[in-house]
Protein backbone atom coordinates (compact mmCIF):
# COMPACT_ATOMS: atom_id res chain seq x y z
CA UNK A 1 -11.03 4.94 12.60
CA UNK A 2 -13.10 2.54 14.57
CA UNK A 3 -13.02 -1.23 14.15
CA UNK A 4 -17.01 -1.18 13.67
CA UNK A 5 -16.95 1.51 11.03
CA UNK A 6 -14.20 -0.51 8.93
CA UNK A 7 -15.98 -3.81 9.55
CA UNK A 8 -19.12 -1.84 8.09
CA UNK A 9 -17.28 -1.11 4.80
CA UNK A 10 -16.25 -4.44 4.36
CA UNK A 11 -19.75 -5.91 4.80
CA UNK A 12 -21.07 -3.48 2.46
CA UNK A 13 -18.07 -4.56 -0.08
CA UNK A 14 -18.83 -8.01 0.26
CA UNK A 15 -22.88 -7.14 0.03
CA UNK A 16 -21.93 -5.51 -3.28
CA UNK A 17 -20.60 -8.29 -4.85
CA UNK A 18 -23.83 -10.32 -3.95
CA UNK A 19 -26.23 -7.87 -4.75
CA UNK A 20 -27.15 -4.03 -5.90
CA UNK A 21 -26.78 -1.65 -3.06
CA UNK A 22 -29.82 0.35 -1.82
CA UNK A 23 -29.32 4.01 -2.19
CA UNK A 24 -29.08 4.47 1.51
CA UNK A 25 -26.27 1.62 1.68
CA UNK A 26 -24.68 3.39 -1.44
CA UNK A 27 -24.64 6.58 0.65
CA UNK A 28 -23.52 5.14 3.76
CA UNK A 29 -20.25 3.46 1.91
CA UNK A 30 -19.33 6.69 0.24
CA UNK A 31 -19.49 8.52 3.83
CA UNK A 32 -17.62 5.83 5.51
CA UNK A 33 -15.08 5.80 2.81
CA UNK A 34 -14.54 9.11 2.51
CA UNK A 35 -13.88 9.22 6.49
CA UNK A 36 -11.25 6.56 6.33
CA UNK A 37 -9.42 8.28 3.32
CA UNK A 38 -9.03 11.40 5.16
CA UNK A 39 -7.86 9.51 7.99
CA UNK A 40 -5.59 7.90 5.93
CA UNK A 41 -4.39 11.23 4.05
CA UNK A 42 -3.93 13.10 7.60
CA UNK A 43 -1.61 10.01 8.82
CA UNK A 44 0.54 10.58 6.08
CA UNK A 45 0.88 13.92 6.26
CA UNK A 46 2.12 13.65 9.75
CA UNK A 47 5.02 11.60 8.78
């Protein structure tokens, strides 16, 4: 996964602690997390 996407996941996580996320931010966060988890699972299956 690209570093920019991981940075965005972290940024949204920090924002969530400060304030409520907008619906668009929640959707973006869910999509990024799903992509990240899919890549982690694929890496684990290769081992």
